[in-house]
Amino acid sequence: MDYVALDLLRAAAARGVRIPEDVSTVGFDGLSDGLDLLGLATLRLPVAEVAQAAVARMEELLVAAQDDAEGPPPPRRPRCGTQSSPGT
């Protein structure tokens, strides 16, 4: 996460560590407002595209599973409450 990386850089600088000469780090949230001035590289994931790909793959797997099965899967009975322990 970029904020964790920023805290790391601040703590290092407070101890006299030179940024980026002595240490560098990479953030993960894709924040970019002035962070390059602090020596923080950041990664930005295409979250919407990753989510779309995951949903599409899940749909493919579900269709394939239904095609392989002999009819629809049996219904699952929801469970609520607590279970009693043996002997009670």
Protein backbone atom coordinates (compact mmCIF):
# COMPACT_ATOMS: atom_id res chain seq x y z
CA MET A 1 0.00 0.00 0.00
CA ASP A 2 1.28 3.42 -0.83
CA TYR A 3 0.54 4.81 2.62
CA VAL A 4 2.62 2.08 4.27
CA ALA A 5 5.44 2.76 1.82
CA LEU A 6 5.21 6.47 2.57
CA ASP A 7 5.43 5.82 6.31
CA LEU A 8 8.48 3.65 5.69
CA LEU A 9 10.16 6.43 3.71
CA ARG A 10 9.31 9.05 6.35
CA ALA A 11 10.69 6.87 9.15
CA ALA A 12 13.85 6.16 7.16
CA ALA A 13 14.36 9.86 6.37
CA ALA A 14 13.85 10.75 10.04
CA ARG A 15 16.76 8.44 10.85
CA GLY A 16 19.04 10.08 8.31
CA VAL A 17 18.58 7.51 5.55
CA ARG A 18 18.78 9.16 2.14
CA ILE A 19 15.86 8.57 -0.21
CA PRO A 20 16.35 7.10 -2.85
CA GLU A 21 20.15 6.83 -2.57
CA ASP A 22 20.13 4.51 0.46
CA VAL A 23 16.68 2.98 0.25
CA SER A 24 13.75 2.90 -2.10
CA THR A 25 10.36 1.24 -2.00
CA VAL A 26 7.40 0.58 -4.23
CA GLY A 27 3.82 1.36 -3.29
CA PHE A 28 0.80 -0.57 -4.49
CA ASP A 29 -2.22 1.74 -4.52
CA GLY A 30 -1.37 3.83 -7.53
CA LEU A 31 -1.27 7.12 -5.67
CA SER A 32 0.66 9.65 -7.66
CA ASP A 33 0.13 13.16 -6.31
CA GLY A 34 3.68 14.33 -5.77
CA LEU A 35 4.91 10.94 -4.62
CA ASP A 36 7.64 10.89 -7.24
CA LEU A 37 9.17 13.84 -5.40
CA LEU A 38 9.41 11.67 -2.29
CA GLY A 39 11.15 8.83 -4.10
CA LEU A 40 8.17 6.46 -4.09
CA ALA A 41 7.49 4.35 -7.12
CA THR A 42 3.91 3.12 -7.26
CA LEU A 43 2.04 0.39 -9.08
CA ARG A 44 -1.45 0.94 -10.38
CA LEU A 45 -3.55 -2.14 -11.07
CA PRO A 46 -6.36 -2.00 -13.63
CA VAL A 47 -8.94 -3.09 -11.03
CA ALA A 48 -11.98 -2.90 -13.31
CA GLU A 49 -10.31 -4.99 -16.00
CA VAL A 50 -9.09 -7.57 -13.49
CA ALA A 51 -12.58 -7.83 -11.99
CA GLN A 52 -14.18 -8.24 -15.44
CA ALA A 53 -11.71 -10.98 -16.34
CA ALA A 54 -12.36 -12.78 -13.04
CA VAL A 55 -16.14 -12.69 -13.51
CA ALA A 56 -15.87 -13.87 -17.12
CA ARG A 57 -13.63 -16.77 -16.07
CA MET A 58 -16.00 -17.73 -13.25
CA GLU A 59 -18.91 -17.75 -15.69
CA GLU A 60 -16.91 -20.02 -18.03
CA LEU A 61 -16.16 -22.41 -15.19
CA LEU A 62 -19.79 -22.51 -14.07
CA VAL A 63 -21.06 -23.20 -17.59
CA ALA A 64 -18.45 -25.95 -18.05
CA ALA A 65 -19.38 -27.52 -14.71
CA GLN A 66 -23.08 -27.55 -15.64
CA ASP A 67 -22.29 -29.05 -19.04
CA ASP A 68 -20.28 -31.84 -17.36
CA ALA A 69 -22.89 -32.58 -14.69
CA GLU A 70 -25.93 -34.76 -15.16
CA GLY A 71 -28.46 -32.01 -14.65
CA PRO A 72 -28.39 -29.10 -12.26
CA PRO A 73 -26.53 -29.42 -8.96
CA PRO A 74 -28.67 -30.43 -5.98
CA PRO A 75 -29.99 -27.54 -3.91
CA ARG A 76 -28.02 -26.68 -0.81
CA ARG A 77 -29.88 -26.37 2.43
CA PRO A 78 -28.96 -23.24 4.35
CA ARG A 79 -27.97 -23.73 7.97
CA CYS A 80 -28.53 -21.27 10.76
CA GLY A 81 -28.11 -21.39 14.49
CA THR A 82 -25.75 -23.43 16.59
CA GLN A 83 -24.88 -27.07 16.67
CA SER A 84 -25.07 -28.96 19.90
CA SER A 85 -22.01 -30.87 21.00
CA PRO A 86 -22.15 -34.65 21.44
CA GLY A 87 -23.72 -35.72 24.71
CA THR A 88 -25.83 -32.60 25.18
